C-alpha cells in the first residue's frame, strides 16, 4: 500500500503535466529519469549479484523538486523513497545548497530520509565541470540510522560526452562502514537522452567489483 501511495504521489503530477540533480533544482515542468542496472563480480559463494535503480526528478516549481528513488535486486525491492528538495540561500551564488526530505521504505522498514546537497560549477583544463556533495541519513522506525554520502566530480568532454568520478561512502545500521570508487562515462545518444557506462571499485568495507549500465532521459 505504501509503495502504491508513493508512486501515485510522484507519477500523478507527470501525467497531469504538472525534475540539475542534487543542489541544482530541476526547472519547473521538466522531468529527469534515470534507470541503472548493476552486475557485481561473483562473491566467495560464486553468486554474481544483480541490482537495479530507478531515479526520477520533476520540477514542481522553480524552487521545489519532487522525486522518486527506487532500488532492488532479482528477489525484492530494497528501497522505495519519495522525496522533496528545495534550495536554500541565494540563487545567484556560486555555491548551491539544497535540503531534502524523503519518506518510504528501505529494507522493508519504514524510513525517513533527510539530506543535504552542496554543489558548484568549475573549470578544469579549460573544460566546464562541477563538484558536488550529497549526504543522507536514513532513519528507521526502530531508531536505527544509516548514513550515506557521495562526493562527485564531473567534467564535460565535449558536445556529447562527460565523465564522472564519484566516491561513495556509508555506515549501514548494524553493518560495516564502506567506501567505493565509482567512475563512469556518459554519452549523449540523441537530444535529452544519455547512456552511462561505469564500474564500481570497493575501497574498504568489503563488497565486490561491479559494472553498471544506465539510461538517462530528460523531457
Foldseek 3Di string as FASTA:
>chain_A
DQLVVLCCVPVVCVVVLQFVPFLQTDAGSKKKKKKKKKWFQQDPVGDIWIKMWIKMWHHNHRFKIWIWIWMDGPPDTFDTKIKIKGWDDDPPDQKGKMKMWIWDGGRRFTWIKIKIKIKGWDADPNWTWMWMKIKIWIATPVGFIKIKMKTKIKTAPDDFKIKIWIWIWMDGRVAFTWIKIKIWMWGHPDPQKIKIKIKIGTDDRDDGIMIMIMIMGMD
